[in-house]
């Protein structure tokens, strides 16, 4: 899950009067080292209403954090491999926390996707996917985007991904990393061979399930919805964005 390198979304912190002071830590494991570093640099650890969130762990932690605290700036501290230029190790954090405290950082904005349903709404930072509910059955479905029709497809479903998620599940189904736009990839098509492709961010992707049953899912969210046959589901760029704290020249 490598994020994009779009300079246009790398914005300096303009609000110098608003310091990031209150921080909430999200981690699935023990995070005392991170907590100690934050306190040492004058930050206040809180349980609600943070100025920013420290995501200490892997990409699943990042997705969970964005879902729980949408649009709140995230500082990503990885326990494993560094994937993006706004991912940091615990060693890096020692050098960047004073800069964050003094307002010397930038915000990287990443788009998200959304789909509205009869009984709810899903927002994804990585992807939104429509997939077979039962792995023993294929799904018949159609996709419509930008005047193109991919009708009566048979397979396991379709993945609609952001640049942030373009090396996640999207890549495993044949997609390539991209920097702008929205990616569409098909999961295990049986009757046709269609390569993954990218459309503009303004595009509306419409999916009609001709014969299910199917789920619609967003990222690693454990709440998902069943789609009715012959009902069109629309996936589009969300008004909500993910904001990541970026301090140049520390890697």
C-alpha atoms as a PDB file:
ATOM      1  CA  UNK A   1       0.000   0.000   0.000  1.00  0.00           C
ATOM      2  CA  UNK A   2       2.278   2.743  -1.209  1.00  0.00           C
ATOM      3  CA  UNK A   3       0.879   6.246  -1.274  1.00  0.00           C
ATOM      4  CA  UNK A   4       1.214   8.660  -4.160  1.00  0.00           C
ATOM      5  CA  UNK A   5       4.021  11.167  -4.617  1.00  0.00           C
ATOM      6  CA  UNK A   6       1.873  14.064  -5.773  1.00  0.00           C
ATOM      7  CA  UNK A   7       3.579  17.395  -5.099  1.00  0.00           C
ATOM      8  CA  UNK A   8       0.250  19.189  -5.499  1.00  0.00           C
ATOM      9  CA  UNK A   9      -1.033  17.410  -2.375  1.00  0.00           C
ATOM     10  CA  UNK A  10       2.023  18.220  -0.295  1.00  0.00           C
ATOM     11  CA  UNK A  11       1.039  21.419   1.452  1.00  0.00           C
ATOM     12  CA  UNK A  12       2.958  23.421   4.071  1.00  0.00           C
ATOM     13  CA  UNK A  13       1.337  23.931   7.427  1.00  0.00           C
ATOM     14  CA  UNK A  14      -0.193  27.394   7.088  1.00  0.00           C
ATOM     15  CA  UNK A  15      -1.795  27.711  10.526  1.00  0.00           C
ATOM     16  CA  UNK A  16       1.243  28.705  12.594  1.00  0.00           C
ATOM     17  CA  UNK A  17      -0.967  29.929  15.433  1.00  0.00           C
ATOM     18  CA  UNK A  18      -2.497  26.470  15.837  1.00  0.00           C
ATOM     19  CA  UNK A  19       0.068  24.146  17.371  1.00  0.00           C
ATOM     20  CA  UNK A  20      -0.416  20.417  17.517  1.00  0.00           C
ATOM     21  CA  UNK A  21      -0.475  19.751  21.242  1.00  0.00           C
ATOM     22  CA  UNK A  22      -2.984  16.991  22.027  1.00  0.00           C
ATOM     23  CA  UNK A  23      -2.184  13.557  20.617  1.00  0.00           C
ATOM     24  CA  UNK A  24      -3.970  10.208  20.670  1.00  0.00           C
ATOM     25  CA  UNK A  25      -2.021   6.976  20.105  1.00  0.00           C
ATOM     26  CA  UNK A  26      -3.577   4.125  18.115  1.00  0.00           C
ATOM     27  CA  UNK A  27      -1.706   0.833  18.349  1.00  0.00           C
ATOM     28  CA  UNK A  28      -2.507  -2.858  18.590  1.00  0.00           C
ATOM     29  CA  UNK A  29       0.640  -3.444  20.599  1.00  0.00           C
ATOM     30  CA  UNK A  30       2.419  -1.889  23.554  1.00  0.00           C
ATOM     31  CA  UNK A  31       3.458   1.694  22.700  1.00  0.00           C
ATOM     32  CA  UNK A  32       5.263   2.985  25.790  1.00  0.00           C
ATOM     33  CA  UNK A  33       8.303   4.105  23.785  1.00  0.00           C
ATOM     34  CA  UNK A  34       6.164   6.287  21.546  1.00  0.00           C
ATOM     35  CA  UNK A  35       4.268   7.650  24.521  1.00  0.00           C
ATOM     36  CA  UNK A  36       7.491   8.530  26.357  1.00  0.00           C
ATOM     37  CA  UNK A  37       8.865  10.370  23.309  1.00  0.00           C
ATOM     38  CA  UNK A  38       5.678  12.362  22.899  1.00  0.00           C
ATOM     39  CA  UNK A  39       5.606  13.399  26.569  1.00  0.00           C
ATOM     40  CA  UNK A  40       9.306  14.277  26.478  1.00  0.00           C
ATOM     41  CA  UNK A  41       8.621  16.666  23.599  1.00  0.00           C
ATOM     42  CA  UNK A  42       5.790  18.409  25.403  1.00  0.00           C
ATOM     43  CA  UNK A  43       2.756  16.750  23.838  1.00  0.00           C
ATOM     44  CA  UNK A  44      -0.323  15.891  25.897  1.00  0.00           C
ATOM     45  CA  UNK A  45      -1.654  12.328  25.571  1.00  0.00           C
ATOM     46  CA  UNK A  46      -5.467  12.310  25.281  1.00  0.00           C
ATOM     47  CA  UNK A  47      -8.243   9.782  24.700  1.00  0.00           C
ATOM     48  CA  UNK A  48     -10.552  12.042  22.684  1.00  0.00           C
ATOM     49  CA  UNK A  49     -10.551  15.190  20.530  1.00  0.00           C
ATOM     50  CA  UNK A  50      -6.863  14.998  19.514  1.00  0.00           C
ATOM     51  CA  UNK A  51      -5.016  17.583  17.411  1.00  0.00           C
ATOM     52  CA  UNK A  52      -3.304  14.654  15.701  1.00  0.00           C
ATOM     53  CA  UNK A  53      -3.135  10.874  15.877  1.00  0.00           C
ATOM     54  CA  UNK A  54      -0.037   8.679  16.049  1.00  0.00           C
ATOM     55  CA  UNK A  55      -0.591   5.413  14.172  1.00  0.00           C
ATOM     56  CA  UNK A  56       1.923   2.965  15.627  1.00  0.00           C
ATOM     57  CA  UNK A  57       1.895  -0.315  13.748  1.00  0.00           C
ATOM     58  CA  UNK A  58       1.186  -1.422  10.196  1.00  0.00           C
ATOM     59  CA  UNK A  59      -1.117  -0.333   7.408  1.00  0.00           C
ATOM     60  CA  UNK A  60      -4.130  -1.894   9.114  1.00  0.00           C
ATOM     61  CA  UNK A  61      -3.596   0.495  12.013  1.00  0.00           C
ATOM     62  CA  UNK A  62      -3.535   3.436   9.605  1.00  0.00           C
ATOM     63  CA  UNK A  63      -6.834   2.381   8.001  1.00  0.00           C
ATOM     64  CA  UNK A  64      -8.470   1.852  11.387  1.00  0.00           C
ATOM     65  CA  UNK A  65      -7.222   5.237  12.629  1.00  0.00           C
ATOM     66  CA  UNK A  66      -8.572   7.101   9.615  1.00  0.00           C
ATOM     67  CA  UNK A  67     -11.942   5.414  10.022  1.00  0.00           C
ATOM     68  CA  UNK A  68     -12.155   6.320  13.738  1.00  0.00           C
ATOM     69  CA  UNK A  69     -10.696   9.827  13.379  1.00  0.00           C
ATOM     70  CA  UNK A  70     -11.401  10.959   9.810  1.00  0.00           C
ATOM     71  CA  UNK A  71      -9.364  13.907   8.484  1.00  0.00           C
ATOM     72  CA  UNK A  72      -7.498  14.394  11.775  1.00  0.00           C
ATOM     73  CA  UNK A  73      -3.755  14.625  10.867  1.00  0.00           C
ATOM     74  CA  UNK A  74      -1.966  11.272  11.221  1.00  0.00           C
ATOM     75  CA  UNK A  75       1.681  10.629  12.082  1.00  0.00           C
ATOM     76  CA  UNK A  76       2.518   7.149  10.827  1.00  0.00           C
ATOM     77  CA  UNK A  77       5.143   5.277  12.860  1.00  0.00           C
ATOM     78  CA  UNK A  78       5.810   1.880  11.327  1.00  0.00           C
ATOM     79  CA  UNK A  79       6.919  -1.182  13.227  1.00  0.00           C
ATOM     80  CA  UNK A  80       7.835  -2.934   9.977  1.00  0.00           C
ATOM     81  CA  UNK A  81       8.848  -1.690   6.517  1.00  0.00           C
ATOM     82  CA  UNK A  82       8.707   1.940   5.416  1.00  0.00           C
ATOM     83  CA  UNK A  83       6.425   2.284   2.385  1.00  0.00           C
ATOM     84  CA  UNK A  84       5.881   6.009   1.892  1.00  0.00           C
ATOM     85  CA  UNK A  85       7.789   9.217   2.420  1.00  0.00           C
ATOM     86  CA  UNK A  86       5.448  10.063   5.298  1.00  0.00           C
ATOM     87  CA  UNK A  87       6.069   6.736   7.074  1.00  0.00           C
ATOM     88  CA  UNK A  88       8.569   6.940   9.918  1.00  0.00           C
ATOM     89  CA  UNK A  89      10.440   4.548  12.171  1.00  0.00           C
ATOM     90  CA  UNK A  90      10.671   4.922  15.906  1.00  0.00           C
ATOM     91  CA  UNK A  91      14.210   6.226  15.364  1.00  0.00           C
ATOM     92  CA  UNK A  92      12.946   8.918  12.942  1.00  0.00           C
ATOM     93  CA  UNK A  93      10.330  10.068  15.423  1.00  0.00           C
ATOM     94  CA  UNK A  94      13.017  11.313  17.814  1.00  0.00           C
ATOM     95  CA  UNK A  95      14.093  13.811  15.158  1.00  0.00           C
ATOM     96  CA  UNK A  96      10.722  14.927  13.827  1.00  0.00           C
ATOM     97  CA  UNK A  97       8.705  15.473  17.010  1.00  0.00           C
ATOM     98  CA  UNK A  98      10.492  18.772  17.829  1.00  0.00           C
ATOM     99  CA  UNK A  99       9.707  19.959  14.275  1.00  0.00           C
ATOM    100  CA  UNK A 100       6.053  19.015  14.624  1.00  0.00           C
ATOM    101  CA  UNK A 101       5.904  20.754  17.981  1.00  0.00           C
ATOM    102  CA  UNK A 102       7.305  23.933  16.367  1.00  0.00           C
ATOM    103  CA  UNK A 103       4.937  23.766  13.385  1.00  0.00           C
ATOM    104  CA  UNK A 104       7.662  22.865  10.886  1.00  0.00           C
ATOM    105  CA  UNK A 105       5.840  20.156   8.988  1.00  0.00           C
ATOM    106  CA  UNK A 106       3.692  19.621   5.921  1.00  0.00           C
ATOM    107  CA  UNK A 107       0.396  17.866   5.332  1.00  0.00           C
ATOM    108  CA  UNK A 108       0.039  15.242   2.604  1.00  0.00           C
ATOM    109  CA  UNK A 109      -3.536  14.845   1.470  1.00  0.00           C
ATOM    110  CA  UNK A 110      -4.840  11.556   0.079  1.00  0.00           C
ATOM    111  CA  UNK A 111      -8.240  11.060  -1.516  1.00  0.00           C
ATOM    112  CA  UNK A 112     -10.794   8.593  -0.247  1.00  0.00           C
ATOM    113  CA  UNK A 113     -13.714   6.826  -1.939  1.00  0.00           C
ATOM    114  CA  UNK A 114     -17.312   6.470  -0.850  1.00  0.00           C
ATOM    115  CA  UNK A 115     -20.480   4.651  -1.734  1.00  0.00           C
ATOM    116  CA  UNK A 116     -23.950   5.355  -0.364  1.00  0.00           C
ATOM    117  CA  UNK A 117     -26.341   2.477   0.217  1.00  0.00           C
ATOM    118  CA  UNK A 118     -29.910   2.015   1.372  1.00  0.00           C
ATOM    119  CA  UNK A 119     -28.821   1.104   4.875  1.00  0.00           C
ATOM    120  CA  UNK A 120     -25.572   3.013   5.270  1.00  0.00           C
ATOM    121  CA  UNK A 121     -22.478   4.548   3.753  1.00  0.00           C
ATOM    122  CA  UNK A 122     -18.949   3.231   3.307  1.00  0.00           C
ATOM    123  CA  UNK A 123     -15.778   5.318   2.980  1.00  0.00           C
ATOM    124  CA  UNK A 124     -12.445   3.771   2.005  1.00  0.00           C
ATOM    125  CA  UNK A 125      -8.905   5.136   2.108  1.00  0.00           C
ATOM    126  CA  UNK A 126      -7.509   2.120   0.225  1.00  0.00           C
ATOM    127  CA  UNK A 127     -10.399   0.776  -1.792  1.00  0.00           C
ATOM    128  CA  UNK A 128     -14.039  -0.116  -2.059  1.00  0.00           C
ATOM    129  CA  UNK A 129     -14.714  -3.548  -3.446  1.00  0.00           C
ATOM    130  CA  UNK A 130     -17.712  -5.548  -4.517  1.00  0.00           C
ATOM    131  CA  UNK A 131     -17.107  -9.249  -4.179  1.00  0.00           C
ATOM    132  CA  UNK A 132     -18.822 -12.601  -4.054  1.00  0.00           C
ATOM    133  CA  UNK A 133     -20.502 -13.348  -0.750  1.00  0.00           C
ATOM    134  CA  UNK A 134     -19.918 -17.073  -1.180  1.00  0.00           C
ATOM    135  CA  UNK A 135     -16.506 -18.176  -2.502  1.00  0.00           C
ATOM    136  CA  UNK A 136     -18.011 -21.245  -4.171  1.00  0.00           C
ATOM    137  CA  UNK A 137     -20.111 -19.121  -6.571  1.00  0.00           C
ATOM    138  CA  UNK A 138     -19.105 -16.622  -9.239  1.00  0.00           C
ATOM    139  CA  UNK A 139     -20.879 -13.271  -9.550  1.00  0.00           C
ATOM    140  CA  UNK A 140     -22.416 -11.825 -12.699  1.00  0.00           C
ATOM    141  CA  UNK A 141     -22.023  -8.047 -12.771  1.00  0.00           C
ATOM    142  CA  UNK A 142     -21.604  -5.000 -15.016  1.00  0.00           C
ATOM    143  CA  UNK A 143     -19.438  -1.869 -14.626  1.00  0.00           C
ATOM    144  CA  UNK A 144     -20.155   1.522 -16.205  1.00  0.00           C
ATOM    145  CA  UNK A 145     -17.675   4.433 -16.159  1.00  0.00           C
ATOM    146  CA  UNK A 146     -16.982   7.435 -18.395  1.00  0.00           C
ATOM    147  CA  UNK A 147     -19.179   6.182 -21.194  1.00  0.00           C
ATOM    148  CA  UNK A 148     -17.645   2.696 -21.189  1.00  0.00           C
ATOM    149  CA  UNK A 149     -19.658  -0.425 -20.426  1.00  0.00           C
ATOM    150  CA  UNK A 150     -18.253  -3.724 -19.215  1.00  0.00           C
ATOM    151  CA  UNK A 151     -21.398  -5.805 -19.342  1.00  0.00           C
ATOM    152  CA  UNK A 152     -22.248  -9.250 -18.021  1.00  0.00           C
ATOM    153  CA  UNK A 153     -18.887 -10.011 -16.436  1.00  0.00           C
ATOM    154  CA  UNK A 154     -18.437 -13.257 -14.525  1.00  0.00           C
ATOM    155  CA  UNK A 155     -15.929 -13.481 -11.681  1.00  0.00           C
ATOM    156  CA  UNK A 156     -15.291 -12.734  -8.025  1.00  0.00           C
ATOM    157  CA  UNK A 157     -15.933  -8.989  -8.210  1.00  0.00           C
ATOM    158  CA  UNK A 158     -14.343  -5.577  -8.780  1.00  0.00           C
ATOM    159  CA  UNK A 159     -11.894  -3.420  -6.784  1.00  0.00           C
ATOM    160  CA  UNK A 160     -12.027   0.380  -6.972  1.00  0.00           C
ATOM    161  CA  UNK A 161      -8.871   1.873  -5.464  1.00  0.00           C
ATOM    162  CA  UNK A 162      -7.240   5.185  -4.549  1.00  0.00           C
ATOM    163  CA  UNK A 163      -3.590   6.071  -5.247  1.00  0.00           C
ATOM    164  CA  UNK A 164      -2.940   5.387  -1.542  1.00  0.00           C
ATOM    165  CA  UNK A 165      -4.260   1.853  -1.919  1.00  0.00           C
ATOM    166  CA  UNK A 166      -2.868   1.155  -5.376  1.00  0.00           C
ATOM    167  CA  UNK A 167      -0.269  -1.320  -4.137  1.00  0.00           C
ATOM    168  CA  UNK A 168      -2.639  -3.130  -1.821  1.00  0.00           C
ATOM    169  CA  UNK A 169      -5.419  -5.473  -2.896  1.00  0.00           C
ATOM    170  CA  UNK A 170      -5.690  -3.581  -6.187  1.00  0.00           C
ATOM    171  CA  UNK A 171      -2.152  -4.600  -7.143  1.00  0.00           C
ATOM    172  CA  UNK A 172      -2.728  -8.238  -6.202  1.00  0.00           C
ATOM    173  CA  UNK A 173      -5.486  -8.390  -8.827  1.00  0.00           C
ATOM    174  CA  UNK A 174      -3.251  -7.086 -11.609  1.00  0.00           C
ATOM    175  CA  UNK A 175      -3.257  -3.337 -11.041  1.00  0.00           C
ATOM    176  CA  UNK A 176      -0.169  -1.132 -11.082  1.00  0.00           C
ATOM    177  CA  UNK A 177       0.662   1.657  -8.684  1.00  0.00           C
ATOM    178  CA  UNK A 178      -0.635   5.025  -9.860  1.00  0.00           C
ATOM    179  CA  UNK A 179      -0.297   8.571  -8.573  1.00  0.00           C
ATOM    180  CA  UNK A 180      -3.544  10.286  -9.562  1.00  0.00           C
ATOM    181  CA  UNK A 181      -7.057   9.165 -10.384  1.00  0.00           C
ATOM    182  CA  UNK A 182      -9.108   6.128  -9.391  1.00  0.00           C
ATOM    183  CA  UNK A 183      -8.076   2.579 -10.270  1.00  0.00           C
ATOM    184  CA  UNK A 184     -10.423  -0.202 -11.356  1.00  0.00           C
ATOM    185  CA  UNK A 185      -9.357  -3.843 -11.270  1.00  0.00           C
ATOM    186  CA  UNK A 186     -11.341  -7.030 -11.766  1.00  0.00           C
ATOM    187  CA  UNK A 187     -11.041  -9.974  -9.441  1.00  0.00           C
ATOM    188  CA  UNK A 188     -10.624 -13.340 -11.177  1.00  0.00           C
ATOM    189  CA  UNK A 189     -12.753 -12.783 -14.274  1.00  0.00           C
ATOM    190  CA  UNK A 190     -13.787 -16.056 -15.941  1.00  0.00           C
ATOM    191  CA  UNK A 191     -15.325 -15.008 -19.249  1.00  0.00           C
ATOM    192  CA  UNK A 192     -13.268 -11.975 -20.352  1.00  0.00           C
ATOM    193  CA  UNK A 193      -9.744 -10.617 -20.069  1.00  0.00           C
ATOM    194  CA  UNK A 194      -9.805  -6.951 -19.029  1.00  0.00           C
ATOM    195  CA  UNK A 195      -6.695  -5.242 -17.697  1.00  0.00           C
ATOM    196  CA  UNK A 196      -6.853  -2.875 -14.746  1.00  0.00           C
ATOM    197  CA  UNK A 197      -7.153   0.785 -15.672  1.00  0.00           C
ATOM    198  CA  UNK A 198      -7.249   4.262 -14.121  1.00  0.00           C
ATOM    199  CA  UNK A 199      -9.936   6.927 -14.586  1.00  0.00           C
ATOM    200  CA  UNK A 200      -9.988  10.600 -13.469  1.00  0.00           C
ATOM    201  CA  UNK A 201     -10.801  11.446  -9.848  1.00  0.00           C
ATOM    202  CA  UNK A 202     -14.050  13.061 -11.000  1.00  0.00           C
ATOM    203  CA  UNK A 203     -15.369   9.821 -12.506  1.00  0.00           C
ATOM    204  CA  UNK A 204     -18.459   8.025 -11.218  1.00  0.00           C
ATOM    205  CA  UNK A 205     -18.077   4.254 -11.199  1.00  0.00           C
ATOM    206  CA  UNK A 206     -21.398   2.399 -11.364  1.00  0.00           C
ATOM    207  CA  UNK A 207     -21.661  -1.309 -10.652  1.00  0.00           C
ATOM    208  CA  UNK A 208     -24.756  -3.434 -11.179  1.00  0.00           C
ATOM    209  CA  UNK A 209     -24.868  -6.943  -9.789  1.00  0.00           C
ATOM    210  CA  UNK A 210     -26.860  -9.041 -12.228  1.00  0.00           C
ATOM    211  CA  UNK A 211     -26.651 -12.180 -10.105  1.00  0.00           C
ATOM    212  CA  UNK A 212     -25.205 -12.352  -6.617  1.00  0.00           C
ATOM    213  CA  UNK A 213     -25.065 -12.737  -3.750  1.00  0.00           C
ATOM    214  CA  UNK A 214     -22.417 -10.051  -3.135  1.00  0.00           C
ATOM    215  CA  UNK A 215     -20.904  -7.896  -0.401  1.00  0.00           C
ATOM    216  CA  UNK A 216     -19.665  -4.325  -0.687  1.00  0.00           C
ATOM    217  CA  UNK A 217     -16.667  -3.607   1.566  1.00  0.00           C
ATOM    218  CA  UNK A 218     -14.332  -0.708   2.351  1.00  0.00           C
ATOM    219  CA  UNK A 219     -10.705  -1.277   3.405  1.00  0.00           C
ATOM    220  CA  UNK A 220     -10.412  -3.595   6.411  1.00  0.00           C
ATOM    221  CA  UNK A 221     -13.696  -2.439   7.946  1.00  0.00           C
ATOM    222  CA  UNK A 222     -15.513  -5.424   9.439  1.00  0.00           C
ATOM    223  CA  UNK A 223     -18.940  -3.946   8.764  1.00  0.00           C
ATOM    224  CA  UNK A 224     -20.130  -4.562   5.211  1.00  0.00           C
ATOM    225  CA  UNK A 225     -23.387  -4.701   3.320  1.00  0.00           C
ATOM    226  CA  UNK A 226     -25.097  -7.145   0.998  1.00  0.00           C
ATOM    227  CA  UNK A 227     -26.109  -5.778  -2.390  1.00  0.00           C
ATOM    228  CA  UNK A 228     -29.414  -6.550  -4.075  1.00  0.00           C
ATOM    229  CA  UNK A 229     -29.417  -7.873  -7.602  1.00  0.00           C
ATOM    230  CA  UNK A 230     -30.092  -5.377 -10.414  1.00  0.00           C
ATOM    231  CA  UNK A 231     -29.511  -2.343  -8.180  1.00  0.00           C
ATOM    232  CA  UNK A 232     -26.797   0.074  -9.341  1.00  0.00           C
ATOM    233  CA  UNK A 233     -24.154   0.996  -6.752  1.00  0.00           C
ATOM    234  CA  UNK A 234     -22.184   4.215  -7.353  1.00  0.00           C
ATOM    235  CA  UNK A 235     -18.608   4.691  -6.143  1.00  0.00           C
ATOM    236  CA  UNK A 236     -17.028   8.133  -6.234  1.00  0.00           C
ATOM    237  CA  UNK A 237     -14.343  10.338  -4.725  1.00  0.00           C
ATOM    238  CA  UNK A 238     -15.311  11.332  -1.198  1.00  0.00           C
ATOM    239  CA  UNK A 239     -15.381  14.904   0.064  1.00  0.00           C
ATOM    240  CA  UNK A 240     -13.403  13.637   3.039  1.00  0.00           C
ATOM    241  CA  UNK A 241      -9.616  13.398   2.686  1.00  0.00           C
ATOM    242  CA  UNK A 242      -6.905  11.754   4.765  1.00  0.00           C
ATOM    243  CA  UNK A 243      -4.210  14.087   6.121  1.00  0.00           C
ATOM    244  CA  UNK A 244      -0.712  12.802   6.883  1.00  0.00           C
ATOM    245  CA  UNK A 245       2.047  14.662   8.698  1.00  0.00           C
ATOM    246  CA  UNK A 246       5.180  14.908   6.614  1.00  0.00           C
ATOM    247  CA  UNK A 247       8.553  16.283   7.698  1.00  0.00           C
ATOM    248  CA  UNK A 248      11.013  16.411   4.740  1.00  0.00           C
ATOM    249  CA  UNK A 249      14.583  15.177   4.809  1.00  0.00           C
ATOM    250  CA  UNK A 250      14.544  12.900   7.845  1.00  0.00           C
ATOM    251  CA  UNK A 251      14.797   9.461   6.170  1.00  0.00           C
END
